[in-house]
Amino acid sequence: MMKWQKCILLLTILLLVTGYSTIDTKAAAPAPTILEVTRSSTIPQHYLPPFSRTITNASAVQKLYTAAQNLPKAGVHNWMCPIGSTVIYHVQFLVGKTVLQQWNMDAIGCYAIVLHKGDLRQPNPAFVSLFARTIGLTKLY
């Protein structure tokens, strides 16, 4: 075989190996398609009627889910609040009928979300506003 043919063959093999090695073989994380939210109120002076809503707009659900995952981690000092939990939103993100993630958010005391065990996040005003709009409310309490 001629020298240039060997070079072309070697180059082709190299391109094939390099191309296949850069393919991402990890499965994409499932994206939620449904959001279920309920509200409970525990102290009479902050009493709100029960609230329950299911959101099936997958784009809106995924936007809120992504925003929650990107919230800054909260330190212990952010968890100590002068007002206890009074109005709580219970949130479930689902893929079909399978729960992908669930958390609670206090709407009056200190906004805080526990995404996973020990993963405390601190919602900001933009997130709280997005959450309220996504579930069809103008304000949370």
N, C-alpha and C. Protein backbone atom coordinates (compact mmCIF):
# COMPACT_ATOMS: atom_id res chain seq x y z
N MET A 1 0.85 -1.17 0.00
CA MET A 1 0.00 0.00 0.00
C MET A 1 0.89 1.23 0.00
N MET A 2 0.49 2.22 -0.73
CA MET A 2 1.31 3.42 -0.83
C MET A 2 1.24 4.23 0.46
N LYS A 3 2.22 5.05 0.64
CA LYS A 3 2.34 5.82 1.86
C LYS A 3 1.14 6.76 2.06
N TRP A 4 0.66 7.44 1.04
CA TRP A 4 -0.46 8.38 1.17
C TRP A 4 -1.76 7.64 1.47
N GLN A 5 -1.91 6.40 0.93
CA GLN A 5 -3.10 5.61 1.22
C GLN A 5 -3.12 5.19 2.70
N LYS A 6 -1.94 4.86 3.23
CA LYS A 6 -1.84 4.51 4.65
C LYS A 6 -2.21 5.72 5.52
N CYS A 7 -1.76 6.89 5.10
CA CYS A 7 -2.06 8.12 5.85
C CYS A 7 -3.57 8.40 5.85
N ILE A 8 -4.22 8.23 4.70
CA ILE A 8 -5.66 8.46 4.60
C ILE A 8 -6.41 7.45 5.46
N LEU A 9 -5.99 6.18 5.40
CA LEU A 9 -6.63 5.15 6.20
C LEU A 9 -6.45 5.44 7.69
N LEU A 10 -5.27 5.81 8.10
CA LEU A 10 -4.99 6.14 9.49
C LEU A 10 -5.80 7.36 9.93
N LEU A 11 -5.88 8.36 9.09
CA LEU A 11 -6.65 9.56 9.39
C LEU A 11 -8.14 9.23 9.54
N THR A 12 -8.67 8.38 8.66
CA THR A 12 -10.07 7.97 8.72
C THR A 12 -10.35 7.23 10.02
N ILE A 13 -9.49 6.31 10.38
CA ILE A 13 -9.65 5.56 11.63
C ILE A 13 -9.59 6.52 12.82
N LEU A 14 -8.67 7.44 12.80
CA LEU A 14 -8.52 8.42 13.88
C LEU A 14 -9.78 9.28 14.01
N LEU A 15 -10.34 9.73 12.90
CA LEU A 15 -11.55 10.54 12.94
C LEU A 15 -12.74 9.74 13.48
N LEU A 16 -12.84 8.48 13.07
CA LEU A 16 -13.93 7.64 13.55
C LEU A 16 -13.83 7.41 15.05
N VAL A 17 -12.65 7.10 15.52
CA VAL A 17 -12.44 6.84 16.95
C VAL A 17 -12.71 8.12 17.75
N THR A 18 -12.20 9.24 17.29
CA THR A 18 -12.40 10.51 17.99
C THR A 18 -13.87 10.89 17.99
N GLY A 19 -14.54 10.73 16.86
CA GLY A 19 -15.96 11.06 16.76
C GLY A 19 -16.80 10.23 17.70
N TYR A 20 -16.56 8.95 17.77
CA TYR A 20 -17.35 8.08 18.66
C TYR A 20 -17.03 8.32 20.12
N SER A 21 -15.83 8.73 20.42
CA SER A 21 -15.49 8.92 21.82
C SER A 21 -16.10 10.20 22.39
N THR A 22 -16.54 11.12 21.54
CA THR A 22 -17.13 12.36 22.05
C THR A 22 -18.64 12.29 22.17
N ILE A 23 -19.25 11.18 21.78
CA ILE A 23 -20.68 11.03 21.92
C ILE A 23 -21.01 10.87 23.40
N ASP A 24 -21.95 11.66 23.87
CA ASP A 24 -22.35 11.59 25.27
C ASP A 24 -23.27 10.38 25.46
N THR A 25 -22.79 9.43 26.23
CA THR A 25 -23.56 8.20 26.43
C THR A 25 -24.45 8.26 27.66
N LYS A 26 -24.35 9.36 28.46
CA LYS A 26 -25.20 9.48 29.63
C LYS A 26 -26.62 9.82 29.19
N ALA A 27 -27.56 9.20 29.81
CA ALA A 27 -28.96 9.51 29.50
C ALA A 27 -29.30 10.88 30.10
N ALA A 28 -30.08 11.64 29.36
CA ALA A 28 -30.49 12.95 29.85
C ALA A 28 -31.41 12.76 31.07
N ALA A 29 -31.25 13.66 32.02
CA ALA A 29 -32.11 13.60 33.21
C ALA A 29 -33.55 13.83 32.76
N PRO A 30 -34.49 13.12 33.35
CA PRO A 30 -35.89 13.31 32.96
C PRO A 30 -36.35 14.72 33.30
N ALA A 31 -37.15 15.28 32.43
CA ALA A 31 -37.69 16.62 32.65
C ALA A 31 -39.14 16.50 33.12
N PRO A 32 -39.52 17.25 34.14
CA PRO A 32 -40.89 17.16 34.62
C PRO A 32 -41.88 17.70 33.58
N THR A 33 -43.06 17.14 33.58
CA THR A 33 -44.10 17.57 32.66
C THR A 33 -45.35 18.05 33.39
N ILE A 34 -45.44 17.74 34.67
CA ILE A 34 -46.61 18.10 35.47
C ILE A 34 -46.15 18.67 36.81
N LEU A 35 -46.88 19.67 37.27
CA LEU A 35 -46.62 20.27 38.58
C LEU A 35 -47.91 20.20 39.37
N GLU A 36 -47.84 19.63 40.57
CA GLU A 36 -48.98 19.59 41.48
C GLU A 36 -48.63 20.42 42.70
N VAL A 37 -49.53 21.34 43.06
CA VAL A 37 -49.29 22.24 44.18
C VAL A 37 -50.52 22.27 45.08
N THR A 38 -50.28 22.16 46.38
CA THR A 38 -51.35 22.37 47.36
C THR A 38 -50.84 23.37 48.39
N ARG A 39 -51.76 24.02 49.06
CA ARG A 39 -51.39 25.01 50.08
C ARG A 39 -52.09 24.66 51.37
N SER A 40 -51.38 24.81 52.48
CA SER A 40 -51.99 24.66 53.79
C SER A 40 -51.61 25.86 54.64
N SER A 41 -52.46 26.18 55.58
CA SER A 41 -52.24 27.31 56.47
C SER A 41 -52.38 26.80 57.90
N THR A 42 -51.40 27.13 58.76
CA THR A 42 -51.37 26.54 60.09
C THR A 42 -51.69 27.50 61.23
N ILE A 43 -51.65 28.80 61.00
CA ILE A 43 -51.90 29.76 62.08
C ILE A 43 -53.09 30.63 61.69
N PRO A 44 -54.07 30.79 62.59
CA PRO A 44 -55.31 31.50 62.26
C PRO A 44 -55.12 32.90 61.66
N GLN A 45 -54.17 33.69 62.16
CA GLN A 45 -54.01 35.05 61.64
C GLN A 45 -53.49 35.08 60.20
N HIS A 46 -52.95 33.98 59.72
CA HIS A 46 -52.49 33.89 58.33
C HIS A 46 -53.30 32.86 57.56
N TYR A 47 -54.53 32.62 58.01
CA TYR A 47 -55.33 31.57 57.39
C TYR A 47 -55.69 31.93 55.96
N LEU A 48 -55.46 31.02 55.08
CA LEU A 48 -55.91 31.10 53.69
C LEU A 48 -56.66 29.82 53.39
N PRO A 49 -57.64 29.87 52.53
CA PRO A 49 -58.36 28.63 52.22
C PRO A 49 -57.44 27.64 51.53
N PRO A 50 -57.76 26.37 51.62
CA PRO A 50 -56.94 25.37 50.92
C PRO A 50 -56.86 25.70 49.43
N PHE A 51 -55.76 25.32 48.85
CA PHE A 51 -55.51 25.59 47.43
C PHE A 51 -54.92 24.34 46.82
N SER A 52 -55.37 23.99 45.66
CA SER A 52 -54.83 22.84 44.95
C SER A 52 -54.87 23.13 43.46
N ARG A 53 -53.75 22.89 42.79
CA ARG A 53 -53.71 23.15 41.35
C ARG A 53 -52.73 22.18 40.70
N THR A 54 -53.10 21.74 39.51
CA THR A 54 -52.22 20.91 38.68
C THR A 54 -51.90 21.68 37.42
N ILE A 55 -50.62 21.85 37.16
CA ILE A 55 -50.15 22.58 35.98
C ILE A 55 -49.62 21.55 34.98
N THR A 56 -50.14 21.58 33.76
CA THR A 56 -49.72 20.61 32.74
C THR A 56 -48.99 21.27 31.58
N ASN A 57 -48.72 22.57 31.67
CA ASN A 57 -47.94 23.26 30.65
C ASN A 57 -46.47 22.87 30.89
N ALA A 58 -45.99 21.90 30.13
CA ALA A 58 -44.66 21.33 30.36
C ALA A 58 -43.57 22.39 30.33
N SER A 59 -43.68 23.36 29.45
CA SER A 59 -42.66 24.41 29.35
C SER A 59 -42.60 25.23 30.64
N ALA A 60 -43.75 25.62 31.16
CA ALA A 60 -43.79 26.39 32.41
C ALA A 60 -43.29 25.55 33.59
N VAL A 61 -43.67 24.28 33.61
CA VAL A 61 -43.25 23.37 34.68
C VAL A 61 -41.73 23.23 34.67
N GLN A 62 -41.16 23.03 33.50
CA GLN A 62 -39.71 22.85 33.38
C GLN A 62 -38.95 24.13 33.72
N LYS A 63 -39.52 25.28 33.37
CA LYS A 63 -38.88 26.55 33.70
C LYS A 63 -38.79 26.73 35.21
N LEU A 64 -39.90 26.43 35.92
CA LEU A 64 -39.89 26.54 37.38
C LEU A 64 -38.95 25.51 38.00
N TYR A 65 -38.97 24.29 37.50
CA TYR A 65 -38.09 23.22 38.01
C TYR A 65 -36.62 23.62 37.87
N THR A 66 -36.27 24.12 36.70
CA THR A 66 -34.88 24.54 36.46
C THR A 66 -34.51 25.70 37.37
N ALA A 67 -35.42 26.65 37.53
CA ALA A 67 -35.15 27.79 38.41
C ALA A 67 -34.91 27.32 39.84
N ALA A 68 -35.68 26.34 40.31
CA ALA A 68 -35.50 25.82 41.67
C ALA A 68 -34.13 25.14 41.81
N GLN A 69 -33.72 24.38 40.80
CA GLN A 69 -32.43 23.69 40.87
C GLN A 69 -31.27 24.68 40.89
N ASN A 70 -31.49 25.87 40.31
CA ASN A 70 -30.42 26.87 40.20
C ASN A 70 -30.42 27.89 41.33
N LEU A 71 -31.32 27.73 42.31
CA LEU A 71 -31.31 28.65 43.45
C LEU A 71 -30.03 28.49 44.25
N PRO A 72 -29.57 29.57 44.87
CA PRO A 72 -28.35 29.45 45.68
C PRO A 72 -28.61 28.61 46.93
N LYS A 73 -27.58 27.91 47.34
CA LYS A 73 -27.67 27.13 48.57
C LYS A 73 -27.80 28.10 49.74
N ALA A 74 -28.65 27.72 50.69
CA ALA A 74 -28.88 28.56 51.87
C ALA A 74 -28.05 28.03 53.03
N GLY A 75 -27.47 28.94 53.77
CA GLY A 75 -26.73 28.55 54.96
C GLY A 75 -27.68 28.37 56.12
N VAL A 76 -27.18 27.87 57.22
CA VAL A 76 -28.00 27.63 58.41
C VAL A 76 -28.59 28.95 58.91
N HIS A 77 -27.85 30.05 58.80
CA HIS A 77 -28.36 31.33 59.29
C HIS A 77 -29.63 31.77 58.56
N ASN A 78 -29.82 31.34 57.34
CA ASN A 78 -31.02 31.69 56.58
C ASN A 78 -32.24 30.89 57.04
N TRP A 79 -32.02 29.83 57.76
CA TRP A 79 -33.11 28.95 58.17
C TRP A 79 -33.76 29.45 59.46
N MET A 80 -33.05 30.22 60.26
CA MET A 80 -33.59 30.71 61.51
C MET A 80 -34.40 31.97 61.22
N CYS A 81 -35.72 31.90 61.46
CA CYS A 81 -36.61 32.98 61.07
C CYS A 81 -37.45 33.44 62.25
N PRO A 82 -37.82 34.72 62.29
CA PRO A 82 -38.65 35.20 63.38
C PRO A 82 -40.08 34.67 63.32
N ILE A 83 -40.57 34.37 62.15
CA ILE A 83 -41.94 33.86 61.99
C ILE A 83 -41.84 32.40 61.59
N GLY A 84 -42.60 31.56 62.25
CA GLY A 84 -42.59 30.14 61.90
C GLY A 84 -43.35 29.88 60.60
N SER A 85 -43.36 28.65 60.19
CA SER A 85 -44.08 28.25 58.99
C SER A 85 -45.58 28.41 59.22
N THR A 86 -46.21 29.21 58.38
CA THR A 86 -47.64 29.46 58.54
C THR A 86 -48.44 29.14 57.29
N VAL A 87 -47.93 29.51 56.15
CA VAL A 87 -48.57 29.19 54.88
C VAL A 87 -47.55 28.39 54.08
N ILE A 88 -47.88 27.14 53.84
CA ILE A 88 -46.93 26.24 53.19
C ILE A 88 -47.49 25.79 51.85
N TYR A 89 -46.64 25.86 50.83
CA TYR A 89 -46.98 25.31 49.52
C TYR A 89 -46.25 23.98 49.38
N HIS A 90 -47.01 22.93 49.13
CA HIS A 90 -46.47 21.59 48.93
C HIS A 90 -46.39 21.37 47.42
N VAL A 91 -45.20 21.06 46.94
CA VAL A 91 -44.94 21.03 45.49
C VAL A 91 -44.45 19.65 45.08
N GLN A 92 -45.00 19.15 43.98
CA GLN A 92 -44.52 17.89 43.38
C GLN A 92 -44.32 18.10 41.89
N PHE A 93 -43.14 17.75 41.41
CA PHE A 93 -42.87 17.73 39.97
C PHE A 93 -42.94 16.28 39.53
N LEU A 94 -43.68 16.04 38.46
CA LEU A 94 -43.88 14.68 37.98
C LEU A 94 -43.47 14.54 36.52
N VAL A 95 -43.06 13.32 36.19
CA VAL A 95 -42.88 12.90 34.80
C VAL A 95 -43.96 11.85 34.60
N GLY A 96 -45.02 12.23 33.92
CA GLY A 96 -46.17 11.34 33.84
C GLY A 96 -46.76 11.18 35.23
N LYS A 97 -46.77 9.97 35.75
CA LYS A 97 -47.31 9.72 37.10
C LYS A 97 -46.19 9.49 38.13
N THR A 98 -44.95 9.60 37.69
CA THR A 98 -43.81 9.36 38.57
C THR A 98 -43.31 10.67 39.18
N VAL A 99 -43.21 10.71 40.51
CA VAL A 99 -42.70 11.90 41.19
C VAL A 99 -41.20 12.01 40.96
N LEU A 100 -40.80 13.14 40.39
CA LEU A 100 -39.39 13.41 40.14
C LEU A 100 -38.77 14.13 41.34
N GLN A 101 -39.53 15.08 41.89
CA GLN A 101 -39.03 15.84 43.04
C GLN A 101 -40.22 16.44 43.78
N GLN A 102 -40.09 16.54 45.09
CA GLN A 102 -41.12 17.21 45.88
C GLN A 102 -40.46 18.05 46.95
N TRP A 103 -41.06 19.18 47.27
CA TRP A 103 -40.56 20.04 48.33
C TRP A 103 -41.68 20.93 48.84
N ASN A 104 -41.41 21.56 49.98
CA ASN A 104 -42.34 22.51 50.58
C ASN A 104 -41.69 23.88 50.59
N MET A 105 -42.53 24.92 50.44
CA MET A 105 -42.02 26.29 50.54
C MET A 105 -42.92 27.08 51.49
N ASP A 106 -42.29 27.67 52.48
CA ASP A 106 -42.98 28.54 53.43
C ASP A 106 -43.17 29.88 52.73
N ALA A 107 -44.40 30.37 52.69
CA ALA A 107 -44.68 31.61 51.96
C ALA A 107 -44.65 32.86 52.84
N ILE A 108 -44.56 32.71 54.15
CA ILE A 108 -44.59 33.90 55.00
C ILE A 108 -43.34 34.02 55.86
N GLY A 109 -42.93 32.97 56.53
CA GLY A 109 -41.76 33.03 57.41
C GLY A 109 -40.50 33.32 56.61
N CYS A 110 -39.71 32.34 56.43
CA CYS A 110 -38.51 32.46 55.62
C CYS A 110 -38.70 31.57 54.40
N TYR A 111 -38.59 32.18 53.26
CA TYR A 111 -38.65 31.36 52.06
C TYR A 111 -37.48 30.40 52.11
N ALA A 112 -37.75 29.14 52.03
CA ALA A 112 -36.70 28.13 52.01
C ALA A 112 -37.27 26.88 51.36
N ILE A 113 -36.44 26.21 50.60
CA ILE A 113 -36.85 24.98 49.93
C ILE A 113 -35.79 23.93 50.20
N VAL A 114 -36.21 22.74 50.56
CA VAL A 114 -35.28 21.62 50.69
C VAL A 114 -35.50 20.74 49.46
N LEU A 115 -34.58 20.82 48.49
CA LEU A 115 -34.72 20.06 47.25
C LEU A 115 -34.49 18.58 47.48
N HIS A 116 -33.47 18.26 48.23
CA HIS A 116 -33.12 16.89 48.58
C HIS A 116 -32.68 16.93 50.03
N LYS A 117 -32.54 15.79 50.63
CA LYS A 117 -32.11 15.74 52.03
C LYS A 117 -30.83 16.54 52.21
N GLY A 118 -30.90 17.57 53.04
CA GLY A 118 -29.74 18.39 53.32
C GLY A 118 -29.41 19.43 52.27
N ASP A 119 -30.20 19.54 51.20
CA ASP A 119 -29.94 20.51 50.14
C ASP A 119 -30.93 21.66 50.26
N LEU A 120 -30.61 22.59 51.16
CA LEU A 120 -31.47 23.74 51.44
C LEU A 120 -31.16 24.86 50.45
N ARG A 121 -32.20 25.39 49.81
CA ARG A 121 -32.04 26.47 48.84
C ARG A 121 -32.78 27.72 49.31
N GLN A 122 -32.26 28.88 48.92
CA GLN A 122 -32.84 30.15 49.32
C GLN A 122 -33.49 30.82 48.11
N PRO A 123 -34.83 30.76 48.03
CA PRO A 123 -35.52 31.44 46.92
C PRO A 123 -35.34 32.95 47.00
N ASN A 124 -35.23 33.57 45.85
CA ASN A 124 -35.13 35.03 45.77
C ASN A 124 -36.47 35.57 45.28
N PRO A 125 -36.67 36.89 45.30
CA PRO A 125 -37.96 37.45 44.85
C PRO A 125 -38.34 37.06 43.42
N ALA A 126 -37.38 36.94 42.53
CA ALA A 126 -37.68 36.55 41.15
C ALA A 126 -38.25 35.13 41.11
N PHE A 127 -37.69 34.22 41.92
CA PHE A 127 -38.20 32.85 41.96
C PHE A 127 -39.60 32.82 42.55
N VAL A 128 -39.82 33.55 43.63
CA VAL A 128 -41.13 33.57 44.29
C VAL A 128 -42.18 34.10 43.31
N SER A 129 -41.83 35.13 42.55
CA SER A 129 -42.74 35.68 41.55
C SER A 129 -43.03 34.66 40.44
N LEU A 130 -41.99 33.97 39.97
CA LEU A 130 -42.17 32.94 38.94
C LEU A 130 -43.06 31.81 39.47
N PHE A 131 -42.83 31.40 40.71
CA PHE A 131 -43.64 30.36 41.31
C PHE A 131 -45.12 30.77 41.35
N ALA A 132 -45.38 31.99 41.84
CA ALA A 132 -46.76 32.48 41.94
C ALA A 132 -47.42 32.53 40.55
N ARG A 133 -46.72 33.08 39.57
CA ARG A 133 -47.28 33.16 38.21
C ARG A 133 -47.54 31.77 37.64
N THR A 134 -46.60 30.85 37.86
CA THR A 134 -46.75 29.50 37.31
C THR A 134 -47.98 28.81 37.85
N ILE A 135 -48.29 29.04 39.12
CA ILE A 135 -49.46 28.36 39.70
C ILE A 135 -50.73 29.22 39.60
N GLY A 136 -50.63 30.37 38.92
CA GLY A 136 -51.81 31.18 38.65
C GLY A 136 -52.25 32.10 39.76
N LEU A 137 -51.32 32.52 40.61
CA LEU A 137 -51.64 33.45 41.69
C LEU A 137 -50.87 34.76 41.49
N THR A 138 -51.43 35.86 42.02
CA THR A 138 -50.70 37.12 41.96
C THR A 138 -49.75 37.26 43.15
N LYS A 139 -50.12 36.66 44.28
CA LYS A 139 -49.24 36.62 45.44
C LYS A 139 -49.49 35.31 46.19
N LEU A 140 -48.56 34.93 47.03
CA LEU A 140 -48.63 33.64 47.71
C LEU A 140 -49.42 33.66 49.00
N TYR A 141 -49.66 34.82 49.59
CA TYR A 141 -50.44 34.91 50.83
C TYR A 141 -51.24 36.18 50.87
